[in-house]
Amino acid sequence: MTLANGEIDLNYFQHSLFLDVVKKERGLNLEPVAIGIVNKTGLYSKKYQRLQDLPNGARVALAGDPVNFARGLHLLQDAGLLKLKPGVGPRATLNDIIDNPKQLKLLEIDFHQLPLAVNEVDLAHGFTHFLLASGVIDPKSALHWESESESRKYGIHFVAHPKSKDDPRVAQFVAIYQNSPAVRAELDKRFGDLYFRLWEKN
């Protein structure tokens, strides 16, 4: 709301799928102006070393908001743990599951509580930036990683109000973020190889 009210000129907001939901639900007039980074995500477990060791009825924690829940469903499908209806996109729900051979019990957990859920469930969708901060589990220990091509759909955007999106100061700020050696060094220090710089080519 601070950005929509014009109190600030730019926000490092969220990925475009989440932005679309917020704009629709709250009637906000905001526009993405540049891309930033995306942190890797994967499937984590403290109880099992391999996905094939998951028992029938295993409890799996996914983010509770619609966009990231769907992201988790696609990740489970990519890992071979369930199957979704053909062509289902980023709004997938439980109703789109057509095969769940291990009868996984999917739990919707608050996005920010997922790191703690790793201690309680058999498998959890983990976002590496939260795992780094929590210290709950080694963020490099995912049993299955989301593909880079899939992760790129969830890149974080710089977002502006339409009145300020063409402000040269906005362009200057983004250029510094994307090209400054100091910023690059800080990102590498904080995230190591657990993130992608989305303004760079594959």
Protein backbone atom coordinates (compact mmCIF):
# COMPACT_ATOMS: atom_id res chain seq x y z
CA MET A 1 0.00 0.00 0.00
CA THR A 2 2.92 2.33 0.65
CA LEU A 3 3.97 1.99 -2.98
CA ALA A 4 0.42 2.31 -4.30
CA ASN A 5 -0.08 5.48 -2.23
CA GLY A 6 3.03 7.06 -3.72
CA GLU A 7 4.94 7.18 -0.44
CA ILE A 8 7.84 5.33 -2.06
CA ASP A 9 8.91 5.10 -5.71
CA LEU A 10 10.02 1.50 -6.00
CA ASN A 11 9.56 -1.80 -4.22
CA TYR A 12 11.35 -5.12 -4.58
CA PHE A 13 7.98 -6.77 -4.49
CA GLN A 14 7.35 -10.40 -5.43
CA HIS A 15 7.16 -12.62 -8.48
CA SER A 16 4.70 -11.60 -11.19
CA LEU A 17 2.19 -14.37 -10.40
CA PHE A 18 1.86 -13.14 -6.82
CA LEU A 19 1.74 -9.53 -8.00
CA ASP A 20 -1.18 -10.34 -10.31
CA VAL A 21 -3.12 -11.84 -7.38
CA VAL A 22 -2.45 -8.83 -5.14
CA LYS A 23 -3.41 -6.34 -7.85
CA LYS A 24 -6.68 -8.15 -8.44
CA GLU A 25 -7.59 -8.66 -4.79
CA ARG A 26 -6.65 -5.17 -3.59
CA GLY A 27 -7.27 -3.16 -6.74
CA LEU A 28 -3.70 -1.87 -6.85
CA ASN A 29 -2.28 -0.15 -9.92
CA LEU A 30 1.34 -1.32 -9.96
CA GLU A 31 3.72 -2.33 -12.71
CA PRO A 32 6.86 -4.48 -12.76
CA VAL A 33 9.76 -2.48 -14.19
CA ALA A 34 12.74 -4.84 -13.88
CA ILE A 35 13.70 -8.32 -12.79
CA GLY A 36 15.92 -9.21 -9.85
CA ILE A 37 16.87 -12.64 -8.51
CA VAL A 38 15.17 -15.86 -7.59
CA ASN A 39 16.30 -18.22 -4.86
CA LYS A 40 16.34 -21.94 -5.49
CA THR A 41 13.67 -24.14 -3.96
CA GLY A 42 13.47 -27.87 -3.44
CA LEU A 43 12.04 -30.73 -1.43
CA TYR A 44 13.59 -31.38 2.00
CA SER A 45 13.39 -34.06 4.63
CA LYS A 46 15.07 -34.74 7.95
CA LYS A 47 13.63 -38.25 8.10
CA TYR A 48 14.49 -39.69 4.70
CA GLN A 49 17.57 -39.63 2.48
CA ARG A 50 15.76 -40.42 -0.77
CA LEU A 51 12.33 -39.60 -2.16
CA GLN A 52 11.69 -43.26 -2.92
CA ASP A 53 11.95 -43.99 0.82
CA LEU A 54 8.87 -41.89 1.61
CA PRO A 55 6.17 -44.14 3.08
CA ASN A 56 2.58 -44.30 1.94
CA GLY A 57 0.63 -41.51 3.61
CA ALA A 58 3.71 -39.34 4.11
CA ARG A 59 2.94 -35.83 5.36
CA VAL A 60 4.13 -33.15 2.95
CA ALA A 61 4.18 -29.43 3.80
CA LEU A 62 3.56 -26.89 1.04
CA ALA A 63 3.12 -23.13 1.19
CA GLY A 64 -0.49 -22.26 2.00
CA ASP A 65 -1.03 -19.37 -0.45
CA PRO A 66 -2.57 -20.37 -3.81
CA VAL A 67 0.36 -19.44 -6.06
CA ASN A 68 3.10 -21.09 -4.03
CA PHE A 69 0.89 -24.09 -3.21
CA ALA A 70 0.53 -24.67 -6.94
CA ARG A 71 4.28 -24.25 -7.31
CA GLY A 72 4.75 -26.99 -4.72
CA LEU A 73 2.34 -29.28 -6.56
CA HIS A 74 4.32 -28.86 -9.77
CA LEU A 75 7.53 -29.58 -7.88
CA LEU A 76 6.05 -32.79 -6.50
CA GLN A 77 4.98 -33.76 -9.99
CA ASP A 78 8.46 -33.06 -11.36
CA ALA A 79 9.85 -35.31 -8.62
CA GLY A 80 7.54 -38.11 -9.73
CA LEU A 81 5.51 -38.14 -6.52
CA LEU A 82 2.14 -37.22 -8.03
CA LYS A 83 0.54 -36.35 -11.34
CA LEU A 84 -1.52 -33.31 -12.28
CA LYS A 85 -4.07 -32.81 -15.03
CA PRO A 86 -2.32 -32.17 -18.36
CA GLY A 87 -1.72 -28.50 -19.05
CA VAL A 88 -2.66 -27.26 -15.60
CA GLY A 89 -0.83 -24.01 -14.96
CA PRO A 90 0.27 -21.90 -11.98
CA ARG A 91 -3.18 -22.04 -10.36
CA ALA A 92 -3.14 -25.79 -9.73
CA THR A 93 -5.10 -27.02 -6.72
CA LEU A 94 -5.76 -30.30 -4.96
CA ASN A 95 -8.59 -30.87 -7.43
CA ASP A 96 -6.04 -31.03 -10.26
CA ILE A 97 -4.27 -34.08 -8.84
CA ILE A 98 -5.11 -37.15 -10.93
CA ASP A 99 -2.64 -39.60 -9.42
CA ASN A 100 -1.13 -39.74 -5.93
CA PRO A 101 0.38 -43.24 -5.72
CA LYS A 102 1.86 -42.81 -2.24
CA GLN A 103 -1.34 -41.18 -0.96
CA LEU A 104 0.66 -38.20 0.23
CA LYS A 105 -1.09 -36.02 2.79
CA LEU A 106 -0.57 -32.45 1.59
CA LEU A 107 -0.54 -29.82 4.34
CA GLU A 108 -0.95 -26.11 3.66
CA ILE A 109 1.51 -24.23 5.89
CA ASP A 110 2.09 -20.51 6.21
CA PHE A 111 4.84 -19.61 3.74
CA HIS A 112 7.10 -18.21 6.46
CA GLN A 113 6.63 -21.24 8.71
CA LEU A 114 7.80 -23.81 6.18
CA PRO A 115 11.35 -24.02 7.60
CA LEU A 116 9.98 -25.06 10.99
CA ALA A 117 7.69 -27.57 9.32
CA VAL A 118 10.74 -29.51 8.15
CA ASN A 119 11.10 -30.69 11.76
CA GLU A 120 7.54 -31.99 11.90
CA VAL A 121 6.68 -33.56 8.55
CA ASP A 122 8.11 -36.20 6.25
CA LEU A 123 8.80 -33.80 3.38
CA ALA A 124 8.56 -30.06 2.88
CA HIS A 125 8.86 -27.57 0.07
CA GLY A 126 11.82 -25.47 1.16
CA PHE A 127 12.78 -21.98 0.01
CA THR A 128 16.54 -21.67 0.42
CA HIS A 129 16.59 -18.03 1.57
CA PHE A 130 14.32 -18.93 4.49
CA LEU A 131 16.26 -22.09 5.23
CA LEU A 132 19.51 -20.12 5.34
CA ALA A 133 18.00 -17.77 7.90
CA SER A 134 16.42 -20.51 10.00
CA GLY A 135 19.33 -22.93 10.28
CA VAL A 136 16.82 -25.79 10.46
CA ILE A 137 18.46 -27.83 7.69
CA ASP A 138 21.30 -27.45 5.21
CA PRO A 139 19.68 -25.58 2.29
CA LYS A 140 21.96 -27.44 -0.11
CA SER A 141 20.55 -30.81 0.98
CA ALA A 142 17.38 -30.84 -1.14
CA LEU A 143 16.28 -34.31 -2.23
CA HIS A 144 14.92 -32.77 -5.42
CA TRP A 145 15.50 -29.31 -6.91
CA GLU A 146 13.08 -27.18 -8.87
CA SER A 147 14.47 -26.77 -12.39
CA GLU A 148 16.07 -23.45 -13.26
CA SER A 149 13.56 -22.90 -16.07
CA GLU A 150 10.69 -23.36 -13.60
CA SER A 151 12.34 -21.18 -10.94
CA ARG A 152 12.72 -18.35 -13.42
CA LYS A 153 8.94 -18.01 -13.57
CA TYR A 154 9.05 -16.87 -9.94
CA GLY A 155 11.73 -14.19 -10.21
CA ILE A 156 11.34 -11.20 -7.91
CA HIS A 157 10.49 -7.94 -9.66
CA PHE A 158 11.12 -4.32 -8.94
CA VAL A 159 7.65 -2.78 -8.99
CA ALA A 160 6.63 0.85 -9.38
CA HIS A 161 3.51 2.97 -9.57
CA PRO A 162 2.75 3.84 -13.22
CA LYS A 163 3.49 7.51 -12.48
CA SER A 164 7.07 6.74 -11.49
CA LYS A 165 7.93 3.72 -13.63
CA ASP A 166 9.73 5.89 -16.22
CA ASP A 167 11.54 8.02 -13.65
CA PRO A 168 15.26 7.96 -14.60
CA ARG A 169 16.15 7.52 -10.94
CA VAL A 170 14.31 4.20 -10.97
CA ALA A 171 16.29 3.06 -14.00
CA GLN A 172 19.51 4.23 -12.34
CA PHE A 173 18.75 2.32 -9.14
CA VAL A 174 17.98 -0.88 -11.04
CA ALA A 175 21.15 -0.50 -13.12
CA ILE A 176 23.23 -0.19 -9.96
CA TYR A 177 21.59 -3.27 -8.45
CA GLN A 178 22.15 -5.36 -11.55
CA ASN A 179 25.67 -4.19 -12.40
CA SER A 180 27.40 -3.16 -9.18
CA PRO A 181 30.29 -5.49 -8.16
CA ALA A 182 29.50 -4.64 -4.54
CA VAL A 183 25.89 -5.81 -4.89
CA ARG A 184 27.00 -8.95 -6.72
CA ALA A 185 29.52 -9.71 -3.95
CA GLU A 186 26.86 -9.29 -1.26
CA LEU A 187 24.41 -11.56 -3.08
CA ASP A 188 27.10 -14.20 -3.55
CA LYS A 189 28.09 -13.91 0.10
CA ARG A 190 24.52 -14.29 1.28
CA PHE A 191 23.22 -16.93 -1.11
CA GLY A 192 26.26 -18.61 -2.69
CA ASP A 193 25.06 -20.85 -5.51
CA LEU A 194 21.49 -20.94 -4.21
CA TYR A 195 20.14 -18.18 -6.44
CA PHE A 196 19.89 -17.08 -10.07
CA ARG A 197 20.49 -13.54 -11.41
CA LEU A 198 17.59 -13.31 -13.80
CA TRP A 199 18.75 -10.29 -15.79
CA GLU A 200 21.62 -12.40 -17.09
CA LYS A 201 21.14 -14.85 -19.94
CA ASN A 202 21.01 -18.58 -19.19
